[in-house]
Amino acid sequence: MSTGEVDAAAAGLPEGTVPRRVVTGHDANGVSVVVSDGIVPVHRVMPEDGAGFYEVWQTSGMPAPIVADEGDPTIGSIRVPPPVNGTKIRVNEFFPGHVGPEGRQSPVHRTESVDYGIVLEGEIVLILDDSETTLRAGDICVQRGTDHAWANRTDRVCRMAFILIDGHFEDELLTVLPGDVRDQLMTAGPHGPGARGRRTEMTLHIDHVGLSVGDLDAQRDWYQRAFGFGAAGAFDVPGAGLRGVFLIGPDGIALELLELRGSTHRAAASTPPDELLAQGYGHVCFRVESVDETFAALVEAGAIVVTEPGPSPEPGVRFAFVTDPEGNFIELLDRKGPVTA
């Protein structure tokens, strides 16, 4: 992920190409104020791939929670789909001269969402399974979970604003989608079996946690079953004796499990303070809507009880602790606003 200012000259882009973002909020007296004004802080420009991504904002609930001020919800890795029950707005740029021999610039992809794509500048070709449609400045595309790709076949940059709204494929549509697509959505998708029935309480707010494990396959299976994570890519470095897998959670967070040959497990701790006696990984904390319901679901999935749900030291917050089958501590927290303590 790249954050901060983009070197526009080095990227071959015009001056001031990074969008400006103005965010409003409220002061202590409920007066409306501007809480931030500047360039979009999370962005990635990839001139060699002919693309730029600017993460403007996102929400993680419906109705979207509104607080006086909050931390920037876009900080983290750039991921295509919106959070579960949430929305996302980003600005994309498609640079000229990057259309491949198959006539596409972006890979063919689909997300379980309804996306409003607004062409701000230039011209772009929308590529579907059976047709192509050219969109120009001022045109709006309503993308409804369809397989698609993009191609800028002009000599000018095309800039688009995308507003993505979390969606849900109904069963009648799933039955006619290609088998591999249907299987992927039903197993690893954000609304697959691991997430269905408990989407609200599993709204998570962590981007990426790395965890050393002793049995990669068993731990991967447990996190997929317990949290509804989907496998997003595996790797193997035989010379280093290292294997790993990235798992993507319902809200787009990433958990990296790493199995290194010869690693050893620390003595199991019985309480969160005991766990802190060993420097290094202490715990991963998932912010959820209902600590009690999520706690019960994880225990049913095989989590080990450490601390029953109860009041947190932070006023108005409930929390609980469990461990995964290898004894790694997991905290559940129902904080609704920004971190205050």
Protein backbone atom coordinates (compact mmCIF):
# COMPACT_ATOMS: atom_id res chain seq x y z
CA MET A 1 0.00 0.00 0.00
CA SER A 2 1.19 3.49 -0.73
CA THR A 3 0.13 6.40 1.47
CA GLY A 4 0.98 10.07 1.38
CA GLU A 5 1.69 12.24 -1.64
CA VAL A 6 2.29 10.74 -5.05
CA ASP A 7 5.29 11.99 -7.02
CA ALA A 8 3.19 13.16 -9.96
CA ALA A 9 6.18 14.04 -12.16
CA ALA A 10 7.82 10.64 -11.65
CA ALA A 11 4.51 8.94 -12.41
CA GLY A 12 4.06 10.96 -15.59
CA LEU A 13 0.86 12.54 -14.27
CA PRO A 14 -0.34 16.16 -14.41
CA GLU A 15 0.20 18.46 -11.42
CA GLY A 16 -2.37 18.02 -8.64
CA THR A 17 -3.62 14.66 -9.89
CA VAL A 18 -4.39 13.31 -6.39
CA PRO A 19 -8.02 14.17 -5.54
CA ARG A 20 -8.76 16.61 -2.71
CA ARG A 21 -11.00 15.31 0.07
CA VAL A 22 -12.99 17.47 2.50
CA VAL A 23 -14.49 15.62 5.49
CA THR A 24 -17.06 17.23 7.78
CA GLY A 25 -17.96 16.47 11.37
CA HIS A 26 -19.05 18.14 14.61
CA ASP A 27 -17.25 19.89 17.43
CA ALA A 28 -17.94 19.34 21.14
CA ASN A 29 -20.99 21.60 20.93
CA GLY A 30 -22.54 19.84 17.93
CA VAL A 31 -21.54 22.59 15.50
CA SER A 32 -20.80 21.37 11.96
CA VAL A 33 -17.12 21.80 11.08
CA VAL A 34 -14.52 20.63 8.56
CA VAL A 35 -12.42 18.00 10.32
CA SER A 36 -9.96 17.39 7.47
CA ASP A 37 -9.12 19.00 4.13
CA GLY A 38 -6.36 17.68 1.90
CA ILE A 39 -5.38 15.09 -0.67
CA VAL A 40 -6.78 11.58 -0.34
CA PRO A 41 -4.29 9.97 2.08
CA VAL A 42 -4.51 6.36 0.83
CA HIS A 43 -3.61 5.88 -2.79
CA ARG A 44 -1.56 3.75 -5.10
CA VAL A 45 -0.33 4.85 -8.52
CA MET A 46 1.02 2.10 -10.77
CA PRO A 47 2.15 3.70 -14.05
CA GLU A 48 3.59 0.41 -15.29
CA ASP A 49 0.14 -1.21 -14.93
CA GLY A 50 -1.72 1.81 -16.25
CA ALA A 51 -3.83 2.42 -13.15
CA GLY A 52 -4.25 4.63 -10.12
CA PHE A 53 -6.47 4.05 -7.06
CA TYR A 54 -7.56 6.73 -4.59
CA GLU A 55 -9.51 5.55 -1.54
CA VAL A 56 -11.86 8.38 -0.56
CA TRP A 57 -14.06 6.95 2.24
CA GLN A 58 -15.92 3.88 3.40
CA THR A 59 -18.59 2.87 5.91
CA SER A 60 -18.93 -0.44 7.73
CA GLY A 61 -22.56 -0.63 8.80
CA MET A 62 -26.11 0.02 7.67
CA PRO A 63 -27.36 2.48 8.74
CA ALA A 64 -23.89 4.01 8.63
CA PRO A 65 -22.84 5.10 12.15
CA ILE A 66 -22.24 8.85 12.39
CA VAL A 67 -20.04 10.16 15.20
CA ALA A 68 -18.68 13.65 15.85
CA ASP A 69 -15.24 12.70 14.54
CA GLU A 70 -13.63 9.40 13.71
CA GLY A 71 -10.38 7.97 12.51
CA ASP A 72 -9.84 7.65 8.77
CA PRO A 73 -11.68 4.43 7.78
CA THR A 74 -9.65 4.06 4.56
CA ILE A 75 -6.28 3.51 6.25
CA GLY A 76 -5.16 0.03 5.26
CA SER A 77 -4.62 -2.04 2.15
CA ILE A 78 -6.52 -1.09 -0.99
CA ARG A 79 -9.19 -3.74 -1.54
CA VAL A 80 -11.83 -3.82 -4.26
CA PRO A 81 -15.10 -4.77 -2.51
CA PRO A 82 -16.84 -2.64 0.12
CA PRO A 83 -17.11 -3.86 3.73
CA VAL A 84 -19.98 -6.15 4.64
CA ASN A 85 -23.09 -3.98 5.13
CA GLY A 86 -20.97 -1.04 4.05
CA THR A 87 -20.08 1.33 1.23
CA LYS A 88 -16.88 2.52 -0.40
CA ILE A 89 -16.04 5.47 -2.64
CA ARG A 90 -12.82 5.61 -4.64
CA VAL A 91 -11.46 7.39 -7.68
CA ASN A 92 -9.74 5.28 -10.34
CA GLU A 93 -7.52 6.43 -13.19
CA PHE A 94 -6.91 4.38 -16.33
CA PHE A 95 -3.81 5.54 -18.18
CA PRO A 96 -3.57 5.23 -21.98
CA GLY A 97 -1.31 2.72 -23.71
CA HIS A 98 -1.96 -0.28 -21.45
CA VAL A 99 -4.54 -2.35 -23.36
CA GLY A 100 -3.40 -5.94 -23.74
CA PRO A 101 -3.70 -8.15 -26.81
CA GLU A 102 -7.06 -9.45 -25.54
CA GLY A 103 -8.40 -5.88 -25.67
CA ARG A 104 -8.63 -5.40 -21.88
CA GLN A 105 -6.78 -3.14 -19.48
CA SER A 106 -8.08 -4.44 -16.16
CA PRO A 107 -8.54 -8.13 -15.32
CA VAL A 108 -12.03 -9.59 -15.62
CA HIS A 109 -13.63 -9.44 -12.18
CA ARG A 110 -16.88 -9.22 -10.27
CA THR A 111 -17.82 -8.18 -6.73
CA GLU A 112 -20.96 -8.95 -4.72
CA SER A 113 -21.98 -5.31 -4.75
CA VAL A 114 -23.89 -2.62 -6.63
CA ASP A 115 -21.41 -0.09 -8.02
CA TYR A 116 -22.10 3.36 -9.44
CA GLY A 117 -19.30 4.25 -11.87
CA ILE A 118 -19.23 7.92 -12.95
CA VAL A 119 -16.89 9.00 -15.74
CA LEU A 120 -15.31 12.29 -14.66
CA GLU A 121 -12.79 12.72 -17.47
CA GLY A 122 -11.92 10.94 -20.71
CA GLU A 123 -13.42 7.80 -22.20
CA ILE A 124 -13.50 4.14 -21.16
CA VAL A 125 -14.82 0.88 -22.64
CA LEU A 126 -16.88 -1.39 -20.38
CA ILE A 127 -16.37 -5.04 -21.37
CA LEU A 128 -19.03 -7.62 -20.41
CA ASP A 129 -19.43 -11.29 -21.33
CA ASP A 130 -21.40 -10.55 -24.49
CA SER A 131 -20.71 -6.94 -25.44
CA GLU A 132 -18.73 -3.71 -25.09
CA THR A 133 -20.06 -0.24 -24.24
CA THR A 134 -18.17 3.04 -24.50
CA LEU A 135 -18.64 5.53 -21.66
CA ARG A 136 -17.63 9.20 -21.83
CA ALA A 137 -17.38 12.11 -19.37
CA GLY A 138 -20.74 12.53 -17.63
CA ASP A 139 -21.91 8.96 -18.28
CA ILE A 140 -22.85 6.71 -15.36
CA CYS A 141 -22.62 2.93 -15.23
CA VAL A 142 -24.65 0.95 -12.68
CA GLN A 143 -22.68 -2.27 -12.16
CA ARG A 144 -24.86 -4.98 -10.60
CA GLY A 145 -22.51 -7.79 -9.63
CA THR A 146 -21.60 -8.61 -13.24
CA ASP A 147 -18.35 -10.02 -14.59
CA HIS A 148 -16.59 -7.13 -16.32
CA ALA A 149 -13.33 -5.46 -17.35
CA TRP A 150 -12.23 -1.97 -18.43
CA ALA A 151 -10.10 -0.64 -21.29
CA ASN A 152 -8.89 2.87 -22.06
CA ARG A 153 -8.28 2.79 -25.82
CA THR A 154 -7.67 6.54 -26.17
CA ASP A 155 -4.54 8.66 -25.76
CA ARG A 156 -5.82 10.48 -22.64
CA VAL A 157 -6.19 9.50 -18.98
CA CYS A 158 -9.70 8.39 -18.00
CA ARG A 159 -10.76 9.20 -14.45
CA MET A 160 -13.82 7.58 -12.83
CA ALA A 161 -15.49 7.83 -9.43
CA PHE A 162 -16.86 4.54 -8.08
CA ILE A 163 -19.39 4.25 -5.25
CA LEU A 164 -19.64 0.61 -4.15
CA ILE A 165 -22.53 -0.66 -2.01
CA ASP A 166 -22.37 -4.07 -0.37
CA GLY A 167 -24.80 -6.47 -2.04
CA HIS A 168 -26.03 -10.03 -1.85
CA PHE A 169 -26.57 -12.44 -4.74
CA GLU A 170 -30.01 -13.99 -4.42
CA ASP A 171 -30.24 -17.78 -4.82
CA GLU A 172 -32.17 -17.56 -8.10
CA LEU A 173 -29.22 -15.72 -9.69
CA LEU A 174 -26.58 -17.91 -8.06
CA THR A 175 -28.11 -20.99 -9.68
CA VAL A 176 -27.44 -19.64 -13.20
CA LEU A 177 -23.95 -18.23 -12.63
CA PRO A 178 -20.98 -20.32 -13.86
CA GLY A 179 -20.17 -23.15 -11.50
CA ASP A 180 -16.69 -21.92 -10.52
CA VAL A 181 -18.04 -18.43 -9.79
CA ARG A 182 -20.92 -19.83 -7.75
CA ASP A 183 -18.62 -22.11 -5.75
CA GLN A 184 -16.23 -19.26 -4.98
CA LEU A 185 -19.00 -16.95 -3.83
CA MET A 186 -20.62 -19.62 -1.70
CA THR A 187 -17.37 -20.67 0.02
CA ALA A 188 -14.97 -17.73 0.10
CA GLY A 189 -17.24 -14.79 -0.70
CA PRO A 190 -18.13 -12.24 1.98
CA HIS A 191 -21.66 -13.63 2.22
CA GLY A 192 -20.84 -17.35 1.99
CA PRO A 193 -21.75 -19.92 4.67
CA GLY A 194 -19.14 -18.56 7.08
CA ALA A 195 -20.76 -15.15 7.06
CA ARG A 196 -24.45 -15.86 6.40
CA GLY A 197 -26.66 -15.51 9.44
CA ARG A 198 -24.17 -13.41 11.43
CA ARG A 199 -23.14 -10.63 9.06
CA THR A 200 -23.90 -7.76 11.43
CA GLU A 201 -21.96 -8.96 14.47
CA MET A 202 -18.93 -9.90 12.35
CA THR A 203 -18.21 -6.37 11.11
CA LEU A 204 -14.43 -6.22 11.63
CA HIS A 205 -12.08 -3.24 11.60
CA ILE A 206 -8.54 -4.59 11.32
CA ASP A 207 -6.66 -4.61 8.04
CA HIS A 208 -3.93 -7.24 8.40
CA VAL A 209 -2.49 -9.38 11.19
CA GLY A 210 0.36 -11.84 10.74
CA LEU A 211 0.32 -14.99 12.89
CA SER A 212 2.96 -17.70 13.21
CA VAL A 213 1.30 -21.13 13.44
CA GLY A 214 2.42 -24.70 13.91
CA ASP A 215 -0.08 -26.40 11.58
CA LEU A 216 -0.90 -24.13 8.64
CA ASP A 217 -3.61 -26.33 7.15
CA ALA A 218 -5.47 -26.88 10.42
CA GLN A 219 -5.32 -23.21 11.43
CA ARG A 220 -6.44 -22.09 7.97
CA ASP A 221 -9.45 -24.40 8.15
CA TRP A 222 -10.36 -23.20 11.66
CA TYR A 223 -10.29 -19.46 10.82
CA GLN A 224 -12.32 -20.11 7.68
CA ARG A 225 -14.91 -22.08 9.66
CA ALA A 226 -15.03 -19.85 12.74
CA PHE A 227 -14.90 -16.39 11.15
CA GLY A 228 -15.94 -16.99 7.56
CA PHE A 229 -12.53 -16.06 6.17
CA GLY A 230 -11.87 -16.92 2.53
CA ALA A 231 -8.48 -18.00 1.15
CA ALA A 232 -7.00 -15.23 -0.99
CA GLY A 233 -3.65 -16.72 -1.94
CA ALA A 234 -1.00 -19.12 -0.68
CA PHE A 235 2.75 -19.20 -1.06
CA ASP A 236 5.61 -21.61 -0.44
CA VAL A 237 9.31 -20.77 -0.01
CA PRO A 238 10.94 -24.23 0.07
CA GLY A 239 14.48 -22.90 0.56
CA ALA A 240 13.40 -21.08 3.71
CA GLY A 241 11.09 -23.81 4.97
CA LEU A 242 8.24 -21.33 4.93
CA ARG A 243 4.61 -21.72 3.90
CA GLY A 244 1.88 -19.15 4.20
CA VAL A 245 -1.66 -18.23 3.28
CA PHE A 246 -3.62 -14.98 3.23
CA LEU A 247 -7.20 -15.15 4.47
CA ILE A 248 -9.69 -12.36 3.74
CA GLY A 249 -12.44 -11.71 6.27
CA PRO A 250 -16.04 -10.54 5.75
CA ASP A 251 -15.00 -6.88 6.08
CA GLY A 252 -11.98 -7.17 3.80
CA ILE A 253 -9.39 -7.55 6.56
CA ALA A 254 -6.45 -9.87 5.93
CA LEU A 255 -5.02 -12.51 8.25
CA GLU A 256 -1.65 -13.91 7.20
CA LEU A 257 -0.86 -17.35 8.63
CA LEU A 258 2.80 -18.34 8.47
CA GLU A 259 4.25 -21.80 9.10
CA LEU A 260 8.06 -21.81 9.44
CA ARG A 261 9.85 -25.14 9.75
CA GLY A 262 11.37 -25.50 13.22
CA SER A 263 9.22 -22.86 14.92
CA THR A 264 8.15 -23.58 18.49
CA HIS A 265 5.03 -22.62 20.42
CA ARG A 266 5.39 -20.58 23.60
CA ALA A 267 4.01 -21.91 26.86
CA ALA A 268 0.26 -21.45 26.83
CA ALA A 269 -0.96 -18.49 28.88
CA SER A 270 -4.09 -18.64 31.01
CA THR A 271 -4.97 -14.92 31.10
CA PRO A 272 -4.38 -11.88 28.84
CA PRO A 273 -1.78 -10.40 31.28
CA ASP A 274 0.10 -13.72 31.33
CA GLU A 275 0.23 -13.60 27.53
CA LEU A 276 1.97 -10.22 27.75
CA LEU A 277 4.85 -11.74 29.73
CA ALA A 278 6.24 -12.99 26.40
CA GLN A 279 7.25 -10.16 24.05
CA GLY A 280 5.93 -10.37 20.50
CA TYR A 281 2.45 -11.33 19.33
CA GLY A 282 -0.02 -10.66 22.14
CA HIS A 283 -3.45 -10.93 20.57
CA VAL A 284 -5.62 -9.89 17.64
CA CYS A 285 -8.67 -7.79 18.42
CA PHE A 286 -11.80 -7.93 16.25
CA ARG A 287 -14.32 -5.11 16.64
CA VAL A 288 -17.81 -6.64 16.37
CA GLU A 289 -21.41 -5.53 16.79
CA SER A 290 -22.34 -8.08 19.45
CA VAL A 291 -19.63 -9.48 21.74
CA ASP A 292 -22.01 -12.01 23.31
CA GLU A 293 -23.30 -13.43 20.03
CA THR A 294 -19.87 -13.55 18.39
CA PHE A 295 -18.34 -15.11 21.52
CA ALA A 296 -20.98 -17.86 21.49
CA ALA A 297 -20.46 -18.51 17.77
CA LEU A 298 -16.69 -18.85 18.19
CA VAL A 299 -16.97 -21.16 21.19
CA GLU A 300 -19.37 -23.32 19.21
CA ALA A 301 -16.74 -23.42 16.43
CA GLY A 302 -14.09 -24.69 18.86
CA ALA A 303 -12.57 -21.53 20.36
CA ILE A 304 -11.23 -21.87 23.92
CA VAL A 305 -12.82 -19.61 26.55
CA VAL A 306 -10.43 -17.23 28.33
CA THR A 307 -12.63 -14.36 29.56
CA GLU A 308 -16.43 -14.41 29.41
CA PRO A 309 -18.13 -11.33 27.89
CA GLY A 310 -18.27 -8.42 30.31
CA PRO A 311 -17.61 -4.68 30.77
CA SER A 312 -14.32 -3.39 29.42
CA PRO A 313 -12.11 -0.94 31.36
CA GLU A 314 -13.19 1.55 28.67
CA PRO A 315 -16.57 3.03 29.69
CA GLY A 316 -19.56 1.79 27.70
CA VAL A 317 -17.62 -1.01 25.99
CA ARG A 318 -17.96 -4.79 26.36
CA PHE A 319 -15.23 -7.30 25.59
CA ALA A 320 -14.27 -10.96 25.80
CA PHE A 321 -11.22 -13.15 25.15
CA VAL A 322 -10.94 -16.56 23.50
CA THR A 323 -8.08 -18.42 21.87
CA ASP A 324 -7.92 -20.33 18.62
CA PRO A 325 -7.12 -24.07 18.78
CA GLU A 326 -3.37 -23.35 19.04
CA GLY A 327 -3.82 -20.97 21.97
CA ASN A 328 -3.45 -17.61 20.15
CA PHE A 329 -5.43 -14.92 21.99
CA ILE A 330 -8.39 -13.25 20.23
CA GLU A 331 -10.15 -10.24 21.77
CA LEU A 332 -13.73 -9.28 20.88
CA LEU A 333 -14.72 -5.65 21.36
CA ASP A 334 -17.94 -3.74 20.67
CA ARG A 335 -16.55 -0.18 20.62
CA LYS A 336 -18.73 1.93 18.30
CA GLY A 337 -16.63 5.07 17.87
CA PRO A 338 -12.92 5.88 17.56
CA VAL A 339 -10.34 4.64 20.07
CA THR A 340 -10.51 6.80 23.19
CA ALA A 341 -8.31 4.90 25.60
